[in-house]
PDB file of all heavy atoms in Angstrom:
ATOM      1  N   ASN A   1      -4.264  -9.021   5.683  1.00  0.00           N
ATOM      2  CA  ASN A   1      -3.942  -9.282   4.258  1.00  0.00           C
ATOM      3  C   ASN A   1      -4.599  -8.414   3.255  1.00  0.00           C
ATOM      4  O   ASN A   1      -4.016  -7.932   2.265  1.00  0.00           O
ATOM      5  CB  ASN A   1      -4.177 -10.756   3.887  1.00  0.00           C
ATOM      6  CG  ASN A   1      -3.284 -11.828   4.497  1.00  0.00           C
ATOM      7  OD1 ASN A   1      -2.094 -11.337   4.931  1.00  0.00           O
ATOM      8  ND2 ASN A   1      -3.673 -13.000   4.759  1.00  0.00           N
ATOM      9  N   PHE A   2      -5.877  -8.116   3.462  1.00  0.00           N
ATOM     10  CA  PHE A   2      -6.507  -7.117   2.685  1.00  0.00           C
ATOM     11  C   PHE A   2      -5.845  -5.814   2.671  1.00  0.00           C
ATOM     12  O   PHE A   2      -5.674  -5.182   1.584  1.00  0.00           O
ATOM     13  CB  PHE A   2      -7.972  -6.978   3.141  1.00  0.00           C
ATOM     14  CG  PHE A   2      -8.739  -5.904   2.504  1.00  0.00           C
ATOM     15  CD1 PHE A   2      -9.166  -5.961   1.205  1.00  0.00           C
ATOM     16  CD2 PHE A   2      -8.965  -4.623   3.234  1.00  0.00           C
ATOM     17  CE1 PHE A   2      -9.858  -4.931   0.562  1.00  0.00           C
ATOM     18  CE2 PHE A   2      -9.700  -3.567   2.635  1.00  0.00           C
ATOM     19  CZ  PHE A   2     -10.045  -3.783   1.263  1.00  0.00           C
ATOM     20  N   LEU A   3      -5.490  -5.267   3.857  1.00  0.00           N
ATOM     21  CA  LEU A   3      -4.854  -3.960   3.961  1.00  0.00           C
ATOM     22  C   LEU A   3      -3.491  -3.924   3.175  1.00  0.00           C
ATOM     23  O   LEU A   3      -3.246  -3.062   2.438  1.00  0.00           O
ATOM     24  CB  LEU A   3      -4.568  -3.640   5.449  1.00  0.00           C
ATOM     25  CG  LEU A   3      -5.780  -3.389   6.384  1.00  0.00           C
ATOM     26  CD1 LEU A   3      -5.422  -3.230   7.820  1.00  0.00           C
ATOM     27  CD2 LEU A   3      -6.530  -2.076   5.833  1.00  0.00           C
ATOM     28  N   LYS A   4      -2.723  -5.030   3.298  1.00  0.00           N
ATOM     29  CA  LYS A   4      -1.516  -5.134   2.670  1.00  0.00           C
ATOM     30  C   LYS A   4      -1.657  -5.183   1.125  1.00  0.00           C
ATOM     31  O   LYS A   4      -0.926  -4.457   0.405  1.00  0.00           O
ATOM     32  CB  LYS A   4      -0.630  -6.427   3.077  1.00  0.00           C
ATOM     33  CG  LYS A   4      -0.190  -6.309   4.576  1.00  0.00           C
ATOM     34  CD  LYS A   4       0.493  -7.606   4.869  1.00  0.00           C
ATOM     35  CE  LYS A   4       1.090  -7.587   6.297  1.00  0.00           C
ATOM     36  NZ  LYS A   4       1.715  -8.893   6.725  1.00  0.00           N
ATOM     37  N   ASN A   5      -2.606  -6.012   0.635  1.00  0.00           N
ATOM     38  CA  ASN A   5      -2.831  -6.037  -0.740  1.00  0.00           C
ATOM     39  C   ASN A   5      -3.330  -4.817  -1.314  1.00  0.00           C
ATOM     40  O   ASN A   5      -2.927  -4.312  -2.457  1.00  0.00           O
ATOM     41  CB  ASN A   5      -3.815  -7.193  -1.099  1.00  0.00           C
ATOM     42  CG  ASN A   5      -3.257  -8.599  -0.819  1.00  0.00           C
ATOM     43  OD1 ASN A   5      -2.098  -8.766  -1.016  1.00  0.00           O
ATOM     44  ND2 ASN A   5      -4.134  -9.559  -0.542  1.00  0.00           N
ATOM     45  N   GLN A   6      -4.177  -4.082  -0.605  1.00  0.00           N
ATOM     46  CA  GLN A   6      -4.781  -2.797  -1.044  1.00  0.00           C
ATOM     47  C   GLN A   6      -3.585  -1.797  -1.164  1.00  0.00           C
ATOM     48  O   GLN A   6      -3.575  -1.094  -2.271  1.00  0.00           O
ATOM     49  CB  GLN A   6      -5.884  -2.303  -0.080  1.00  0.00           C
ATOM     50  CG  GLN A   6      -6.676  -1.134  -0.576  1.00  0.00           C
ATOM     51  CD  GLN A   6      -7.501  -1.395  -1.757  1.00  0.00           C
ATOM     52  OE1 GLN A   6      -7.752  -2.537  -2.189  1.00  0.00           O
ATOM     53  NE2 GLN A   6      -7.877  -0.365  -2.551  1.00  0.00           N
ATOM     54  N   ILE A   7      -2.756  -1.765  -0.214  1.00  0.00           N
ATOM     55  CA  ILE A   7      -1.660  -0.792  -0.282  1.00  0.00           C
ATOM     56  C   ILE A   7      -0.786  -1.065  -1.462  1.00  0.00           C
ATOM     57  O   ILE A   7      -0.364  -0.206  -2.190  1.00  0.00           O
ATOM     58  CB  ILE A   7      -0.865  -0.780   1.059  1.00  0.00           C
ATOM     59  CG1 ILE A   7      -1.649  -0.193   2.147  1.00  0.00           C
ATOM     60  CG2 ILE A   7       0.450  -0.072   0.821  1.00  0.00           C
ATOM     61  CD1 ILE A   7      -1.116  -0.515   3.548  1.00  0.00           C
ATOM     62  N   GLN A   8      -0.375  -2.408  -1.597  1.00  0.00           N
ATOM     63  CA  GLN A   8       0.461  -2.909  -2.681  1.00  0.00           C
ATOM     64  C   GLN A   8      -0.192  -2.536  -4.044  1.00  0.00           C
ATOM     65  O   GLN A   8       0.471  -2.018  -5.001  1.00  0.00           O
ATOM     66  CB  GLN A   8       0.682  -4.242  -2.575  1.00  0.00           C
ATOM     67  CG  GLN A   8       1.646  -4.866  -3.621  1.00  0.00           C
ATOM     68  CD  GLN A   8       1.901  -6.348  -3.509  1.00  0.00           C
ATOM     69  OE1 GLN A   8       1.160  -6.989  -2.781  1.00  0.00           O
ATOM     70  NE2 GLN A   8       2.903  -6.877  -4.186  1.00  0.00           N
ATOM     71  N   ASN A   9      -1.471  -2.790  -4.258  1.00  0.00           N
ATOM     72  CA  ASN A   9      -2.185  -2.535  -5.513  1.00  0.00           C
ATOM     73  C   ASN A   9      -2.228  -1.105  -5.805  1.00  0.00           C
ATOM     74  O   ASN A   9      -2.005  -0.637  -6.946  1.00  0.00           O
ATOM     75  CB  ASN A   9      -3.465  -3.173  -5.500  1.00  0.00           C
ATOM     76  CG  ASN A   9      -3.433  -4.703  -5.523  1.00  0.00           C
ATOM     77  OD1 ASN A   9      -2.468  -5.289  -5.890  1.00  0.00           O
ATOM     78  ND2 ASN A   9      -4.533  -5.289  -5.128  1.00  0.00           N
ATOM     79  N   ALA A  10      -2.488  -0.331  -4.767  1.00  0.00           N
ATOM     80  CA  ALA A  10      -2.539   1.255  -5.023  1.00  0.00           C
ATOM     81  C   ALA A  10      -1.254   1.722  -5.431  1.00  0.00           C
ATOM     82  O   ALA A  10      -1.174   2.590  -6.351  1.00  0.00           O
ATOM     83  CB  ALA A  10      -3.068   1.881  -3.710  1.00  0.00           C
ATOM     84  N   LYS A  11      -0.226   1.252  -4.843  1.00  0.00           N
ATOM     85  CA  LYS A  11       1.109   1.742  -5.203  1.00  0.00           C
ATOM     86  C   LYS A  11       1.502   1.365  -6.643  1.00  0.00           C
ATOM     87  O   LYS A  11       2.083   2.137  -7.340  1.00  0.00           O
ATOM     88  CB  LYS A  11       2.215   1.285  -4.193  1.00  0.00           C
ATOM     89  CG  LYS A  11       2.139   1.950  -2.780  1.00  0.00           C
ATOM     90  CD  LYS A  11       3.160   1.484  -1.913  1.00  0.00           C
ATOM     91  CE  LYS A  11       3.135   2.191  -0.581  1.00  0.00           C
ATOM     92  NZ  LYS A  11       4.097   1.728   0.372  1.00  0.00           N
ATOM     93  N   LYS A  12       1.059   0.135  -6.971  1.00  0.00           N
ATOM     94  CA  LYS A  12       1.341  -0.270  -8.397  1.00  0.00           C
ATOM     95  C   LYS A  12       0.573   0.571  -9.421  1.00  0.00           C
ATOM     96  O   LYS A  12       1.222   0.921 -10.400  1.00  0.00           O
ATOM     97  CB  LYS A  12       0.917  -1.835  -8.453  1.00  0.00           C
ATOM     98  CG  LYS A  12       1.163  -2.347  -9.906  1.00  0.00           C
ATOM     99  CD  LYS A  12       0.687  -3.860  -9.907  1.00  0.00           C
ATOM    100  CE  LYS A  12       0.739  -4.314 -11.317  1.00  0.00           C
ATOM    101  NZ  LYS A  12       0.040  -5.568 -11.467  1.00  0.00           N
ATOM    102  N   VAL A  13      -0.646   0.822  -9.149  1.00  0.00           N
ATOM    103  CA  VAL A  13      -1.487   1.577 -10.107  1.00  0.00           C
ATOM    104  C   VAL A  13      -0.894   3.032 -10.109  1.00  0.00           C
ATOM    105  O   VAL A  13      -0.844   3.612 -11.239  1.00  0.00           O
ATOM    106  CB  VAL A  13      -2.994   1.611  -9.651  1.00  0.00           C
ATOM    107  CG1 VAL A  13      -3.706   2.601 -10.439  1.00  0.00           C
ATOM    108  CG2 VAL A  13      -3.561   0.189  -9.877  1.00  0.00           C
ATOM    109  N   MET A  14      -0.420   3.561  -8.997  1.00  0.00           N
ATOM    110  CA  MET A  14       0.107   4.968  -9.010  1.00  0.00           C
ATOM    111  C   MET A  14       1.342   5.044  -9.956  1.00  0.00           C
ATOM    112  O   MET A  14       1.632   6.114 -10.497  1.00  0.00           O
ATOM    113  CB  MET A  14       0.488   5.444  -7.696  1.00  0.00           C
ATOM    114  CG  MET A  14      -0.732   5.842  -6.800  1.00  0.00           C
ATOM    115  SD  MET A  14      -0.445   6.240  -5.118  1.00  0.00           S
ATOM    116  CE  MET A  14       1.026   7.102  -5.064  1.00  0.00           C
ATOM    117  N   LYS A  15       2.047   3.913 -10.108  1.00  0.00           N
ATOM    118  CA  LYS A  15       3.390   3.970 -10.909  1.00  0.00           C
ATOM    119  C   LYS A  15       2.847   3.860 -12.451  1.00  0.00           C
ATOM    120  O   LYS A  15       3.582   4.467 -13.248  1.00  0.00           O
ATOM    121  CB  LYS A  15       4.194   2.698 -10.643  1.00  0.00           C
ATOM    122  CG  LYS A  15       4.914   2.841  -9.321  1.00  0.00           C
ATOM    123  CD  LYS A  15       5.740   1.665  -9.091  1.00  0.00           C
ATOM    124  CE  LYS A  15       6.447   1.704  -7.759  1.00  0.00           C
ATOM    125  NZ  LYS A  15       7.219   0.591  -7.453  1.00  0.00           N
ATOM    126  N   GLU A  16       1.755   3.274 -12.710  1.00  0.00           N
ATOM    127  CA  GLU A  16       1.226   3.109 -14.039  1.00  0.00           C
ATOM    128  C   GLU A  16       0.406   4.295 -14.581  1.00  0.00           C
ATOM    129  O   GLU A  16       0.406   4.582 -15.778  1.00  0.00           O
ATOM    130  CB  GLU A  16       0.402   1.829 -14.230  1.00  0.00           C
ATOM    131  CG  GLU A  16       1.154   0.585 -13.835  1.00  0.00           C
ATOM    132  CD  GLU A  16       0.201  -0.658 -13.706  1.00  0.00           C
ATOM    133  OE1 GLU A  16      -1.051  -0.438 -14.042  1.00  0.00           O
ATOM    134  OE2 GLU A  16       0.689  -1.729 -13.367  1.00  0.00           O
ATOM    135  N   ILE A  17      -0.351   4.884 -13.692  1.00  0.00           N
ATOM    136  CA  ILE A  17      -1.404   5.978 -14.103  1.00  0.00           C
ATOM    137  C   ILE A  17      -1.111   7.153 -13.187  1.00  0.00           C
ATOM    138  O   ILE A  17      -0.809   7.078 -11.917  1.00  0.00           O
ATOM    139  CB  ILE A  17      -2.750   5.362 -13.801  1.00  0.00           C
ATOM    140  CG1 ILE A  17      -3.009   4.080 -14.486  1.00  0.00           C
ATOM    141  CG2 ILE A  17      -3.783   6.394 -14.145  1.00  0.00           C
ATOM    142  CD1 ILE A  17      -4.333   3.363 -14.138  1.00  0.00           C
ATOM    143  N   PRO A  18      -1.241   8.355 -13.733  1.00  0.00           N
ATOM    144  CA  PRO A  18      -0.947   9.524 -13.087  1.00  0.00           C
ATOM    145  C   PRO A  18      -2.139   9.892 -12.072  1.00  0.00           C
ATOM    146  O   PRO A  18      -3.019  10.771 -12.364  1.00  0.00           O
ATOM    147  CB  PRO A  18      -0.766  10.709 -14.043  1.00  0.00           C
ATOM    148  CG  PRO A  18      -1.483  10.152 -15.264  1.00  0.00           C
ATOM    149  CD  PRO A  18      -1.381   8.674 -15.154  1.00  0.00           C
ATOM    150  N   VAL A  19      -2.214   9.136 -11.010  1.00  0.00           N
ATOM    151  CA  VAL A  19      -3.360   9.319 -10.028  1.00  0.00           C
ATOM    152  C   VAL A  19      -2.666   9.140  -8.693  1.00  0.00           C
ATOM    153  O   VAL A  19      -1.684   8.541  -8.485  1.00  0.00           O
ATOM    154  CB  VAL A  19      -4.427   8.206 -10.260  1.00  0.00           C
ATOM    155  CG1 VAL A  19      -3.963   6.856 -10.050  1.00  0.00           C
ATOM    156  CG2 VAL A  19      -5.636   8.550  -9.384  1.00  0.00           C
ATOM    157  N   SER A  20      -3.240   9.836  -7.635  1.00  0.00           N
ATOM    158  CA  SER A  20      -2.630   9.763  -6.324  1.00  0.00           C
ATOM    159  C   SER A  20      -3.578   9.082  -5.331  1.00  0.00           C
ATOM    160  O   SER A  20      -4.794   9.467  -5.206  1.00  0.00           O
ATOM    161  CB  SER A  20      -2.410  11.109  -5.780  1.00  0.00           C
ATOM    162  OG  SER A  20      -1.821  11.084  -4.485  1.00  0.00           O
ATOM    163  N   PHE A  21      -3.087   8.101  -4.621  1.00  0.00           N
ATOM    164  CA  PHE A  21      -3.903   7.407  -3.558  1.00  0.00           C
ATOM    165  C   PHE A  21      -3.096   7.560  -2.157  1.00  0.00           C
ATOM    166  O   PHE A  21      -3.172   6.820  -1.310  1.00  0.00           O
ATOM    167  CB  PHE A  21      -4.046   5.958  -3.817  1.00  0.00           C
ATOM    168  CG  PHE A  21      -4.818   5.642  -5.039  1.00  0.00           C
ATOM    169  CD1 PHE A  21      -4.323   4.917  -6.083  1.00  0.00           C
ATOM    170  CD2 PHE A  21      -6.126   5.976  -5.008  1.00  0.00           C
ATOM    171  CE1 PHE A  21      -5.086   4.511  -7.137  1.00  0.00           C
ATOM    172  CE2 PHE A  21      -6.940   5.573  -6.096  1.00  0.00           C
ATOM    173  CZ  PHE A  21      -6.436   4.956  -7.236  1.00  0.00           C
ATOM    174  N   GLU A  22      -2.250   8.664  -2.206  1.00  0.00           N
ATOM    175  CA  GLU A  22      -1.364   8.913  -1.025  1.00  0.00           C
ATOM    176  C   GLU A  22      -2.134   8.917   0.321  1.00  0.00           C
ATOM    177  O   GLU A  22      -1.765   8.335   1.308  1.00  0.00           O
ATOM    178  CB  GLU A  22      -0.513  10.135  -1.235  1.00  0.00           C
ATOM    179  CG  GLU A  22       0.391  10.058  -2.307  1.00  0.00           C
ATOM    180  CD  GLU A  22       1.553   9.066  -2.106  1.00  0.00           C
ATOM    181  OE1 GLU A  22       1.910   8.686  -0.959  1.00  0.00           O
ATOM    182  OE2 GLU A  22       2.126   8.511  -3.136  1.00  0.00           O
ATOM    183  N   LYS A  23      -3.303   9.662   0.353  1.00  0.00           N
ATOM    184  CA  LYS A  23      -3.998   9.800   1.580  1.00  0.00           C
ATOM    185  C   LYS A  23      -4.598   8.528   2.036  1.00  0.00           C
ATOM    186  O   LYS A  23      -4.481   8.094   3.125  1.00  0.00           O
ATOM    187  CB  LYS A  23      -5.136  10.853   1.438  1.00  0.00           C
ATOM    188  CG  LYS A  23      -4.609  12.243   1.360  1.00  0.00           C
ATOM    189  CD  LYS A  23      -5.748  13.133   1.186  1.00  0.00           C
ATOM    190  CE  LYS A  23      -5.262  14.703   1.030  1.00  0.00           C
ATOM    191  NZ  LYS A  23      -6.345  15.562   0.773  1.00  0.00           N
ATOM    192  N   GLN A  24      -5.139   7.749   1.050  1.00  0.00           N
ATOM    193  CA  GLN A  24      -5.826   6.397   1.375  1.00  0.00           C
ATOM    194  C   GLN A  24      -4.652   5.466   1.789  1.00  0.00           C
ATOM    195  O   GLN A  24      -4.988   4.726   2.783  1.00  0.00           O
ATOM    196  CB  GLN A  24      -6.484   5.826   0.149  1.00  0.00           C
ATOM    197  CG  GLN A  24      -7.720   6.754  -0.238  1.00  0.00           C
ATOM    198  CD  GLN A  24      -7.399   7.848  -1.243  1.00  0.00           C
ATOM    199  OE1 GLN A  24      -6.275   8.253  -1.427  1.00  0.00           O
ATOM    200  NE2 GLN A  24      -8.410   8.296  -1.921  1.00  0.00           N
TER     201      GLN A  24
END
């Protein structure tokens, strides 16, 4: 669940802010 939430939150933040978490 932590992994799923982390992926989901990172994708959400990437849509809002010009930052990349692609590798992570």
